[in-house]
């Protein structure tokens, strides 16, 4: 017989005491804090895989906070682009798109730029559900913490355009 260890990440809202008891009520609710992960049996999947850095998940939303402590290592990097040189080094039509693109407005809009930083943190929340770091004794744990997330901003201050979403899908598939 082969015996394998099975452990949960030690992040704050999973199993802080590593005793099989998930935290409850951190936000005043009567149920487990990370109930979605438990409901989808993510704790069992983590024993099989936690994803791969070769996999990139495009988060088409309000952007991602690139300074978030649980996400900064999971951000996709466009390694074909040289940061801040004002040149489209990879010839993909986007200048200095080192970690995604801000599609707010349209691609030709003055608002479209290379800074897909989240301004209302919904996209950051989504990215965290997907790929938040694990085993750092902080916050939450992502479903696939080893994947990379690409920040594609199509919504700013709660408003966005379908055309921005279309541009984001094309960008993601091209990259």
Protein backbone atom coordinates (compact mmCIF):
# COMPACT_ATOMS: atom_id res chain seq x y z
CA UNK A 1 0.00 0.00 0.00
CA UNK A 2 1.14 3.51 -0.77
CA UNK A 3 0.46 6.16 1.81
CA UNK A 4 0.31 9.83 0.88
CA UNK A 5 -0.07 12.85 3.06
CA UNK A 6 -3.11 14.96 2.55
CA UNK A 7 -2.95 18.46 3.87
CA UNK A 8 -4.86 21.65 3.45
CA UNK A 9 -3.09 24.94 2.80
CA UNK A 10 -2.37 26.86 6.00
CA UNK A 11 -4.03 30.08 4.85
CA UNK A 12 -6.14 32.05 7.31
CA UNK A 13 -9.59 31.16 6.01
CA UNK A 14 -9.04 27.49 5.16
CA UNK A 15 -7.94 25.41 8.16
CA UNK A 16 -6.01 27.79 10.41
CA UNK A 17 -5.33 25.17 13.09
CA UNK A 18 -4.62 22.34 10.59
CA UNK A 19 -7.13 20.19 12.46
CA UNK A 20 -9.69 19.61 9.72
CA UNK A 21 -11.91 22.48 10.88
CA UNK A 22 -12.31 25.29 8.37
CA UNK A 23 -12.79 28.81 9.71
CA UNK A 24 -16.33 30.14 10.00
CA UNK A 25 -17.95 33.54 10.22
CA UNK A 26 -15.02 35.81 9.33
CA UNK A 27 -17.43 38.14 7.54
CA UNK A 28 -20.33 37.60 9.96
CA UNK A 29 -21.88 34.69 8.06
CA UNK A 30 -22.98 31.47 9.83
CA UNK A 31 -21.19 29.15 7.36
CA UNK A 32 -17.59 28.31 6.52
CA UNK A 33 -15.54 31.17 5.12
CA UNK A 34 -14.31 29.33 2.04
CA UNK A 35 -17.47 27.26 1.56
CA UNK A 36 -17.15 27.33 -2.24
CA UNK A 37 -13.80 25.56 -2.14
CA UNK A 38 -15.19 22.93 0.20
CA UNK A 39 -18.41 22.53 -1.83
CA UNK A 40 -16.43 21.87 -5.02
CA UNK A 41 -14.08 19.47 -3.19
CA UNK A 42 -11.08 21.64 -4.02
CA UNK A 43 -9.39 20.32 -0.89
CA UNK A 44 -9.38 16.87 -2.52
CA UNK A 45 -8.18 18.23 -5.87
CA UNK A 46 -5.23 19.99 -4.21
CA UNK A 47 -3.86 16.55 -3.33
CA UNK A 48 -3.76 15.74 -7.06
CA UNK A 49 -2.71 19.08 -8.57
CA UNK A 50 -2.59 22.76 -7.81
CA UNK A 51 -2.33 23.78 -11.42
CA UNK A 52 0.70 24.63 -13.52
CA UNK A 53 2.48 27.90 -14.26
CA UNK A 54 2.24 26.88 -17.92
CA UNK A 55 -1.52 27.53 -17.70
CA UNK A 56 -2.64 31.16 -18.08
CA UNK A 57 -6.16 32.14 -17.06
CA UNK A 58 -7.40 35.43 -18.51
CA UNK A 59 -9.39 37.41 -15.95
CA UNK A 60 -11.63 39.67 -18.05
CA UNK A 61 -13.10 41.96 -15.43
CA UNK A 62 -12.11 45.12 -13.54
CA UNK A 63 -8.39 44.34 -13.70
CA UNK A 64 -6.18 42.80 -11.01
CA UNK A 65 -4.35 44.54 -8.19
CA UNK A 66 -0.77 43.74 -9.17
CA UNK A 67 0.45 44.57 -5.66
CA UNK A 68 -1.89 42.16 -3.86
CA UNK A 69 0.20 39.92 -1.60
CA UNK A 70 -1.71 36.76 -2.57
CA UNK A 71 -1.55 37.45 -6.34
CA UNK A 72 1.64 39.30 -7.27
CA UNK A 73 3.56 36.05 -7.89
CA UNK A 74 0.66 34.61 -9.92
CA UNK A 75 0.46 37.43 -12.45
CA UNK A 76 1.14 36.48 -16.06
CA UNK A 77 4.13 38.28 -17.51
CA UNK A 78 4.53 39.06 -21.19
CA UNK A 79 8.21 38.17 -21.42
CA UNK A 80 8.37 39.31 -25.06
CA UNK A 81 7.75 42.90 -23.99
CA UNK A 82 10.40 45.21 -22.50
CA UNK A 83 8.76 47.29 -19.75
CA UNK A 84 8.39 51.05 -20.08
CA UNK A 85 10.30 51.55 -23.34
CA UNK A 86 7.21 52.80 -25.25
CA UNK A 87 7.80 50.20 -27.98
CA UNK A 88 5.59 47.29 -29.03
CA UNK A 89 8.47 44.82 -28.72
CA UNK A 90 6.38 41.73 -29.48
CA UNK A 91 4.51 43.37 -32.39
CA UNK A 92 1.09 42.39 -31.02
CA UNK A 93 -0.37 45.90 -31.36
CA UNK A 94 -0.08 46.78 -27.66
CA UNK A 95 2.78 48.94 -26.35
CA UNK A 96 4.40 47.82 -23.08
CA UNK A 97 1.69 45.26 -22.30
CA UNK A 98 3.82 43.50 -19.70
CA UNK A 99 1.03 41.98 -17.57
CA UNK A 100 -2.19 42.50 -19.55
CA UNK A 101 -4.16 45.40 -21.00
CA UNK A 102 -6.77 47.96 -20.00
CA UNK A 103 -9.50 47.81 -22.67
CA UNK A 104 -11.80 50.34 -21.00
CA UNK A 105 -13.57 52.22 -23.77
CA UNK A 106 -12.28 50.78 -27.03
CA UNK A 107 -8.84 49.88 -28.23
CA UNK A 108 -8.49 53.35 -29.76
CA UNK A 109 -9.96 55.11 -26.73
CA UNK A 110 -7.73 57.46 -24.75
CA UNK A 111 -8.61 55.28 -21.75
CA UNK A 112 -7.18 52.09 -23.27
CA UNK A 113 -3.64 51.56 -21.98
CA UNK A 114 -1.09 49.14 -20.57
CA UNK A 115 -2.26 49.51 -16.96
CA UNK A 116 -4.96 46.95 -16.11
CA UNK A 117 -4.84 47.83 -12.39
CA UNK A 118 -8.10 47.09 -10.57
CA UNK A 119 -10.02 50.13 -9.29
CA UNK A 120 -12.94 48.38 -7.58
CA UNK A 121 -11.32 45.02 -6.73
CA UNK A 122 -13.89 42.69 -8.24
CA UNK A 123 -11.35 41.35 -10.74
CA UNK A 124 -8.86 40.93 -7.90
CA UNK A 125 -11.47 38.90 -6.01
CA UNK A 126 -12.04 36.71 -9.07
CA UNK A 127 -8.28 36.28 -9.63
CA UNK A 128 -7.90 35.33 -5.96
CA UNK A 129 -10.54 32.63 -6.26
CA UNK A 130 -8.62 31.26 -9.22
CA UNK A 131 -5.00 31.58 -8.16
CA UNK A 132 -4.37 33.11 -4.72
CA UNK A 133 -1.10 31.91 -3.18
CA UNK A 134 -1.30 29.07 -0.69
CA UNK A 135 0.70 28.05 2.35
CA UNK A 136 1.63 31.60 3.27
CA UNK A 137 -0.56 31.74 6.40
CA UNK A 138 -2.47 34.68 4.90
CA UNK A 139 -5.95 35.23 3.55
CA UNK A 140 -7.54 32.79 1.16
CA UNK A 141 -6.32 30.02 -1.12
CA UNK A 142 -6.92 29.84 -4.86
CA UNK A 143 -8.44 26.83 -6.60
CA UNK A 144 -5.33 26.54 -8.81
CA UNK A 145 -2.62 28.53 -7.02
CA UNK A 146 0.14 27.54 -9.44
CA UNK A 147 -1.50 28.96 -12.58
CA UNK A 148 -0.83 32.46 -13.90
CA UNK A 149 -3.57 35.07 -14.23
CA UNK A 150 -3.65 37.63 -17.04
CA UNK A 151 -5.19 40.99 -16.14
CA UNK A 152 -7.61 42.22 -18.81
CA UNK A 153 -9.58 45.23 -17.67
CA UNK A 154 -12.88 45.93 -19.41
CA UNK A 155 -14.82 47.55 -16.56
CA UNK A 156 -13.92 50.74 -14.76
CA UNK A 157 -15.94 52.22 -11.93
CA UNK A 158 -18.71 49.67 -12.59
CA UNK A 159 -19.13 50.43 -16.31
CA UNK A 160 -17.76 48.70 -19.38
CA UNK A 161 -18.44 48.05 -23.05
CA UNK A 162 -19.04 44.76 -24.87
CA UNK A 163 -16.49 45.88 -27.48
CA UNK A 164 -13.87 46.04 -24.72
CA UNK A 165 -14.73 42.46 -23.76
CA UNK A 166 -14.37 41.34 -27.36
CA UNK A 167 -10.95 42.99 -27.55
CA UNK A 168 -9.93 41.27 -24.30
CA UNK A 169 -10.95 37.84 -25.57
CA UNK A 170 -8.92 38.38 -28.77
CA UNK A 171 -5.92 39.57 -26.74
CA UNK A 172 -6.11 36.54 -24.45
CA UNK A 173 -6.35 34.06 -27.30
CA UNK A 174 -3.49 35.74 -29.19
CA UNK A 175 -1.25 35.69 -26.14
